[in-house]
Amino acid sequence: MANTKSAIKAARKSVRLTDRNKTVKSRLKTLHKKLDAAVKAGDAAAAATVASAYASAMDKAVKSGVVHRNAASRAKAQVAKHFAAKK
């Protein structure tokens, strides 16, 4: 249990930020699954739309500090590579 005021505040903040991170990461995983499904189905239009949404969501996650920028860059590159191969 936290003993100081600053530790109590840090504990509250940790809970709040953890919830935000879970929400953002869950959305990223969902978009990635939708992209995989669209690519496997061969629907190029839907895949392009979802790929754009995934890249945008990844950039927003980087901006808020949920995902490291290099990790996001790598993920977006892998998606682009996978998308281009299936085209």
Protein backbone atom coordinates (compact mmCIF):
# COMPACT_ATOMS: atom_id res chain seq x y z
CA MET A 1 0.00 0.00 0.00
CA ALA A 2 1.21 3.47 -0.89
CA ASN A 3 2.33 5.55 2.08
CA THR A 4 2.86 9.04 0.70
CA LYS A 5 0.50 11.40 -1.11
CA SER A 6 2.59 11.23 -4.26
CA ALA A 7 2.61 7.41 -4.18
CA ILE A 8 -1.17 7.34 -3.73
CA LYS A 9 -1.59 9.67 -6.71
CA ALA A 10 0.87 7.60 -8.76
CA ALA A 11 -1.14 4.45 -7.97
CA ARG A 12 -4.37 6.12 -9.14
CA LYS A 13 -2.65 7.39 -12.27
CA SER A 14 -1.23 3.95 -12.99
CA VAL A 15 -4.70 2.41 -12.95
CA ARG A 16 -6.07 5.10 -15.26
CA LEU A 17 -3.21 4.85 -17.74
CA THR A 18 -3.30 1.04 -17.72
CA ASP A 19 -6.98 1.13 -18.68
CA ARG A 20 -6.25 3.56 -21.51
CA ASN A 21 -3.37 1.42 -22.77
CA LYS A 22 -5.53 -1.71 -22.74
CA THR A 23 -8.22 0.05 -24.76
CA VAL A 24 -5.78 1.32 -27.36
CA LYS A 25 -3.93 -2.00 -27.69
CA SER A 26 -7.20 -3.90 -27.96
CA ARG A 27 -8.29 -1.62 -30.80
CA LEU A 28 -4.98 -2.16 -32.58
CA LYS A 29 -5.31 -5.93 -32.29
CA THR A 30 -8.89 -5.80 -33.59
CA LEU A 31 -7.88 -3.71 -36.60
CA HIS A 32 -4.99 -6.07 -37.31
CA LYS A 33 -7.35 -9.06 -37.25
CA LYS A 34 -9.78 -7.26 -39.58
CA LEU A 35 -6.92 -6.51 -41.95
CA ASP A 36 -5.78 -10.14 -41.97
CA ALA A 37 -9.34 -11.26 -42.66
CA ALA A 38 -9.76 -8.79 -45.53
CA VAL A 39 -6.44 -9.80 -47.10
CA LYS A 40 -7.24 -13.52 -46.82
CA ALA A 41 -10.68 -12.91 -48.33
CA GLY A 42 -9.04 -11.13 -51.25
CA ASP A 43 -11.08 -7.96 -50.79
CA ALA A 44 -8.57 -5.30 -51.85
CA ALA A 45 -10.86 -2.31 -51.24
CA ALA A 46 -11.72 -3.37 -47.69
CA ALA A 47 -8.11 -4.27 -46.98
CA ALA A 48 -6.93 -0.84 -48.13
CA THR A 49 -9.51 0.87 -45.93
CA VAL A 50 -8.61 -1.19 -42.88
CA ALA A 51 -4.87 -0.79 -43.55
CA SER A 52 -5.31 2.97 -43.54
CA ALA A 53 -7.31 2.83 -40.30
CA TYR A 54 -4.67 0.56 -38.72
CA ALA A 55 -1.83 2.90 -39.67
CA SER A 56 -3.75 5.87 -38.33
CA ALA A 57 -4.56 4.10 -35.05
CA MET A 58 -0.92 3.05 -34.70
CA ASP A 59 0.24 6.65 -35.21
CA LYS A 60 -2.22 7.85 -32.57
CA ALA A 61 -0.96 5.17 -30.17
CA VAL A 62 2.58 6.44 -30.71
CA LYS A 63 1.48 10.00 -30.15
CA SER A 64 -0.09 9.11 -26.80
CA GLY A 65 2.91 6.99 -25.78
CA VAL A 66 1.17 3.62 -25.75
CA VAL A 67 3.38 2.14 -28.47
CA HIS A 68 7.03 2.94 -29.19
CA ARG A 69 7.52 4.71 -32.51
CA ASN A 70 9.95 2.09 -33.83
CA ALA A 71 7.51 -0.71 -32.95
CA ALA A 72 4.74 1.14 -34.78
CA SER A 73 6.95 1.74 -37.77
CA ARG A 74 7.88 -1.93 -37.91
CA ALA A 75 4.23 -3.01 -37.62
CA LYS A 76 3.13 -0.66 -40.38
CA ALA A 77 5.98 -1.84 -42.62
CA GLN A 78 5.01 -5.48 -42.07
CA VAL A 79 1.39 -4.72 -42.90
CA ALA A 80 2.38 -2.83 -46.05
CA LYS A 81 4.67 -5.68 -47.10
CA HIS A 82 1.97 -8.31 -46.48
CA PHE A 83 -0.63 -6.18 -48.25
CA ALA A 84 1.63 -5.65 -51.29
CA ALA A 85 2.41 -9.36 -51.54
CA LYS A 86 -1.27 -10.28 -51.68
CA LYS A 87 -2.10 -7.62 -54.27
